[in-house]
């Protein structure tokens, strides 16, 4: 796997890990081709954050789509002239 690196260092994030966690994460970082533990943690957290945000935005969009759909079904607008004309033409074909 290609080496993965971070582009910038703009802010600091500190955390405490057990020794076992640190060794485990460092092993995963090495096996994954990451430059160091920091790169591994930041990239893994960023990918997970994107996944969570994307999923949540899909849910919100889906809820909004449902509201729009049901509002249109329950509170339909009056047909415009073109739709009324098309309906009359359709009825004329089958009467």
Protein backbone atom coordinates (compact mmCIF):
# COMPACT_ATOMS: atom_id res chain seq x y z
CA UNK A 1 0.00 0.00 0.00
CA UNK A 2 1.30 3.48 -0.83
CA UNK A 3 2.52 5.72 1.96
CA UNK A 4 -0.21 8.05 3.18
CA UNK A 5 0.80 11.49 4.43
CA UNK A 6 -0.92 14.54 5.81
CA UNK A 7 -0.63 17.81 3.93
CA UNK A 8 -0.66 20.40 6.72
CA UNK A 9 -0.34 20.81 10.45
CA UNK A 10 -2.70 23.60 11.48
CA UNK A 11 -3.95 22.50 14.91
CA UNK A 12 -3.04 20.13 17.69
CA UNK A 13 -5.09 17.23 19.08
CA UNK A 14 -3.88 15.37 22.16
CA UNK A 15 -5.21 12.11 23.54
CA UNK A 16 -4.17 9.46 26.01
CA UNK A 17 -4.01 5.80 25.05
CA UNK A 18 -3.23 2.69 26.96
CA UNK A 19 0.13 1.15 26.03
CA UNK A 20 -1.74 -1.75 24.44
CA UNK A 21 -3.81 0.58 22.26
CA UNK A 22 -0.74 2.53 21.18
CA UNK A 23 1.16 -0.63 20.20
CA UNK A 24 -1.92 -1.96 18.39
CA UNK A 25 -2.48 1.28 16.48
CA UNK A 26 1.20 1.62 15.62
CA UNK A 27 1.17 -1.88 14.18
CA UNK A 28 -1.88 -1.07 12.08
CA UNK A 29 -0.22 2.14 10.90
CA UNK A 30 2.92 0.27 9.80
CA UNK A 31 0.95 -2.49 8.09
CA UNK A 32 -1.24 0.11 6.37
CA UNK A 33 1.74 1.97 4.96
CA UNK A 34 1.22 5.11 7.01
CA UNK A 35 4.22 7.29 7.80
CA UNK A 36 3.49 7.33 11.53
CA UNK A 37 0.80 6.86 14.16
CA UNK A 38 -0.36 10.46 13.91
CA UNK A 39 -1.00 10.19 10.16
CA UNK A 40 -2.85 6.91 10.68
CA UNK A 41 -5.08 8.29 13.43
CA UNK A 42 -5.86 11.57 11.67
CA UNK A 43 -6.63 9.93 8.32
CA UNK A 44 -8.72 7.16 9.92
CA UNK A 45 -10.70 9.67 11.98
CA UNK A 46 -11.17 11.94 8.94
CA UNK A 47 -12.51 9.04 6.85
CA UNK A 48 -14.90 8.02 9.62
CA UNK A 49 -16.05 11.63 10.10
CA UNK A 50 -16.78 11.95 6.36
CA UNK A 51 -18.76 8.70 6.48
CA UNK A 52 -20.84 9.84 9.47
CA UNK A 53 -21.51 13.29 7.99
CA UNK A 54 -22.42 11.86 4.59
CA UNK A 55 -24.82 9.35 6.15
CA UNK A 56 -26.46 12.02 8.29
CA UNK A 57 -26.83 14.38 5.32
CA UNK A 58 -28.50 11.59 3.31
CA UNK A 59 -30.96 11.01 6.15
CA UNK A 60 -31.75 14.72 6.39
CA UNK A 61 -32.17 14.97 2.60
CA UNK A 62 -34.40 11.89 2.63
CA UNK A 63 -36.56 13.37 5.39
CA UNK A 64 -36.83 16.65 3.48
CA UNK A 65 -37.76 14.79 0.28
CA UNK A 66 -40.47 12.92 2.19
CA UNK A 67 -41.87 16.17 3.55
CA UNK A 68 -41.96 17.71 0.06
CA UNK A 69 -43.60 14.61 -1.45
CA UNK A 70 -46.28 14.21 1.21
CA UNK A 71 -46.98 17.94 1.22
CA UNK A 72 -47.54 17.77 -2.56
CA UNK A 73 -49.83 14.73 -2.18
CA UNK A 74 -51.83 16.10 0.74
CA UNK A 75 -51.94 19.72 -0.43
CA UNK A 76 -51.94 19.59 -4.23
CA UNK A 77 -51.83 22.80 -6.22
CA UNK A 78 -54.69 23.54 -8.61
CA UNK A 79 -53.91 22.40 -12.16
CA UNK A 80 -52.59 25.10 -14.47
CA UNK A 81 -54.09 25.83 -17.89
CA UNK A 82 -51.76 23.45 -19.73
CA UNK A 83 -52.62 20.54 -17.44
CA UNK A 84 -56.35 21.26 -17.68
CA UNK A 85 -56.09 21.41 -21.48
CA UNK A 86 -54.17 18.11 -21.57
CA UNK A 87 -56.76 16.44 -19.32
CA UNK A 88 -59.59 17.63 -21.55
CA UNK A 89 -57.79 16.33 -24.67
CA UNK A 90 -57.24 12.97 -22.97
CA UNK A 91 -60.91 12.72 -21.99
CA UNK A 92 -61.94 13.60 -25.56
CA UNK A 93 -59.87 10.69 -26.91
CA UNK A 94 -61.65 8.13 -24.72
CA UNK A 95 -65.25 9.40 -24.73
